[in-house]
Amino acid sequence: MSADQRGPTDDTATSVRTTLIERSISLTDNRINSRDLFAATREVLIVHGDETYRLRLTAQNKLILTK
């Protein structure tokens, strides 16, 4: 397929997109409801010191934390 035949979204697959989402999550008695964390997505990034961790909600409704 030549560059002329490609659609407008062909190049977006290789580009990196960063989206900033600002939202408030309530904290009650040192607890956060996972429904609030995963309201907009099934994955959140947690920054702890110099490390970034990924917290994912699986299809089986389990939580997985990875470095």
C-alpha atoms as a PDB file:
ATOM      1  CA  MET A   1       0.000   0.000   0.000  1.00  0.00           C
ATOM      2  CA  SER A   2       1.424   3.352  -0.980  1.00  0.00           C
ATOM      3  CA  ALA A   3       1.409   6.429   1.221  1.00  0.00           C
ATOM      4  CA  ASP A   4      -1.365   7.848  -0.992  1.00  0.00           C
ATOM      5  CA  GLN A   5      -3.665   4.900  -0.261  1.00  0.00           C
ATOM      6  CA  ARG A   6      -3.313   5.002   3.512  1.00  0.00           C
ATOM      7  CA  GLY A   7      -6.134   6.486   5.533  1.00  0.00           C
ATOM      8  CA  PRO A   8      -5.687   9.336   8.008  1.00  0.00           C
ATOM      9  CA  THR A   9      -5.458   6.939  10.965  1.00  0.00           C
ATOM     10  CA  ASP A  10      -2.642   4.729   9.619  1.00  0.00           C
ATOM     11  CA  ASP A  11       0.126   6.837  11.158  1.00  0.00           C
ATOM     12  CA  THR A  12      -1.596   7.128  14.537  1.00  0.00           C
ATOM     13  CA  ALA A  13      -0.916   3.475  15.349  1.00  0.00           C
ATOM     14  CA  THR A  14       2.800   4.213  15.646  1.00  0.00           C
ATOM     15  CA  SER A  15       2.490   7.540  17.421  1.00  0.00           C
ATOM     16  CA  VAL A  16       2.379   7.837  21.193  1.00  0.00           C
ATOM     17  CA  ARG A  17      -0.559   9.695  22.676  1.00  0.00           C
ATOM     18  CA  THR A  18      -0.585  11.050  26.190  1.00  0.00           C
ATOM     19  CA  THR A  19      -3.889  12.006  27.735  1.00  0.00           C
ATOM     20  CA  LEU A  20      -4.147  13.907  30.992  1.00  0.00           C
ATOM     21  CA  ILE A  21      -7.300  13.104  32.902  1.00  0.00           C
ATOM     22  CA  GLU A  22      -8.043  15.130  35.999  1.00  0.00           C
ATOM     23  CA  ARG A  23     -10.626  13.817  38.420  1.00  0.00           C
ATOM     24  CA  SER A  24     -11.355  13.693  42.111  1.00  0.00           C
ATOM     25  CA  ILE A  25     -11.545  10.446  44.046  1.00  0.00           C
ATOM     26  CA  SER A  26     -12.914  10.469  47.564  1.00  0.00           C
ATOM     27  CA  LEU A  27     -10.891   8.994  50.402  1.00  0.00           C
ATOM     28  CA  THR A  28     -12.900   7.762  53.390  1.00  0.00           C
ATOM     29  CA  ASP A  29     -11.151   6.316  56.443  1.00  0.00           C
ATOM     30  CA  ASN A  30      -8.007   5.748  54.364  1.00  0.00           C
ATOM     31  CA  ARG A  31      -9.964   3.786  51.718  1.00  0.00           C
ATOM     32  CA  ILE A  32     -10.535   4.330  48.009  1.00  0.00           C
ATOM     33  CA  ASN A  33     -13.324   2.473  46.253  1.00  0.00           C
ATOM     34  CA  SER A  34     -11.963   0.599  43.226  1.00  0.00           C
ATOM     35  CA  ARG A  35     -15.087   1.592  41.248  1.00  0.00           C
ATOM     36  CA  ASP A  36     -13.921   5.202  41.585  1.00  0.00           C
ATOM     37  CA  LEU A  37     -10.373   4.321  40.479  1.00  0.00           C
ATOM     38  CA  PHE A  38     -11.495   2.378  37.427  1.00  0.00           C
ATOM     39  CA  ALA A  39     -14.506   4.508  36.461  1.00  0.00           C
ATOM     40  CA  ALA A  40     -12.912   5.739  33.227  1.00  0.00           C
ATOM     41  CA  THR A  41     -10.356   3.009  32.490  1.00  0.00           C
ATOM     42  CA  ARG A  42      -9.261  -0.496  33.461  1.00  0.00           C
ATOM     43  CA  GLU A  43      -5.704   0.572  34.286  1.00  0.00           C
ATOM     44  CA  VAL A  44      -4.105   3.253  36.454  1.00  0.00           C
ATOM     45  CA  LEU A  45      -0.472   4.185  36.941  1.00  0.00           C
ATOM     46  CA  ILE A  46       0.861   4.709  40.453  1.00  0.00           C
ATOM     47  CA  VAL A  47       4.082   6.669  40.945  1.00  0.00           C
ATOM     48  CA  HIS A  48       5.985   5.691  44.086  1.00  0.00           C
ATOM     49  CA  GLY A  49       9.320   7.464  44.451  1.00  0.00           C
ATOM     50  CA  ASP A  50      11.225   6.932  41.213  1.00  0.00           C
ATOM     51  CA  GLU A  51       9.181   3.872  40.216  1.00  0.00           C
ATOM     52  CA  THR A  52       5.924   3.620  38.277  1.00  0.00           C
ATOM     53  CA  TYR A  53       3.537   0.749  38.932  1.00  0.00           C
ATOM     54  CA  ARG A  54       0.576  -0.357  36.857  1.00  0.00           C
ATOM     55  CA  LEU A  55      -2.666  -1.373  38.609  1.00  0.00           C
ATOM     56  CA  ARG A  56      -4.989  -3.272  36.276  1.00  0.00           C
ATOM     57  CA  LEU A  57      -8.528  -4.555  36.618  1.00  0.00           C
ATOM     58  CA  THR A  58      -8.790  -7.940  34.881  1.00  0.00           C
ATOM     59  CA  ALA A  59     -11.704  -9.451  32.997  1.00  0.00           C
ATOM     60  CA  GLN A  60     -12.279 -11.647  36.072  1.00  0.00           C
ATOM     61  CA  ASN A  61     -12.607  -8.489  38.213  1.00  0.00           C
ATOM     62  CA  LYS A  62      -9.252  -9.089  39.955  1.00  0.00           C
ATOM     63  CA  LEU A  63      -6.550  -6.495  40.628  1.00  0.00           C
ATOM     64  CA  ILE A  64      -2.992  -6.952  39.358  1.00  0.00           C
ATOM     65  CA  LEU A  65      -0.167  -4.625  40.420  1.00  0.00           C
ATOM     66  CA  THR A  66       2.997  -4.769  38.293  1.00  0.00           C
ATOM     67  CA  LYS A  67       6.207  -2.778  38.208  1.00  0.00           C
END
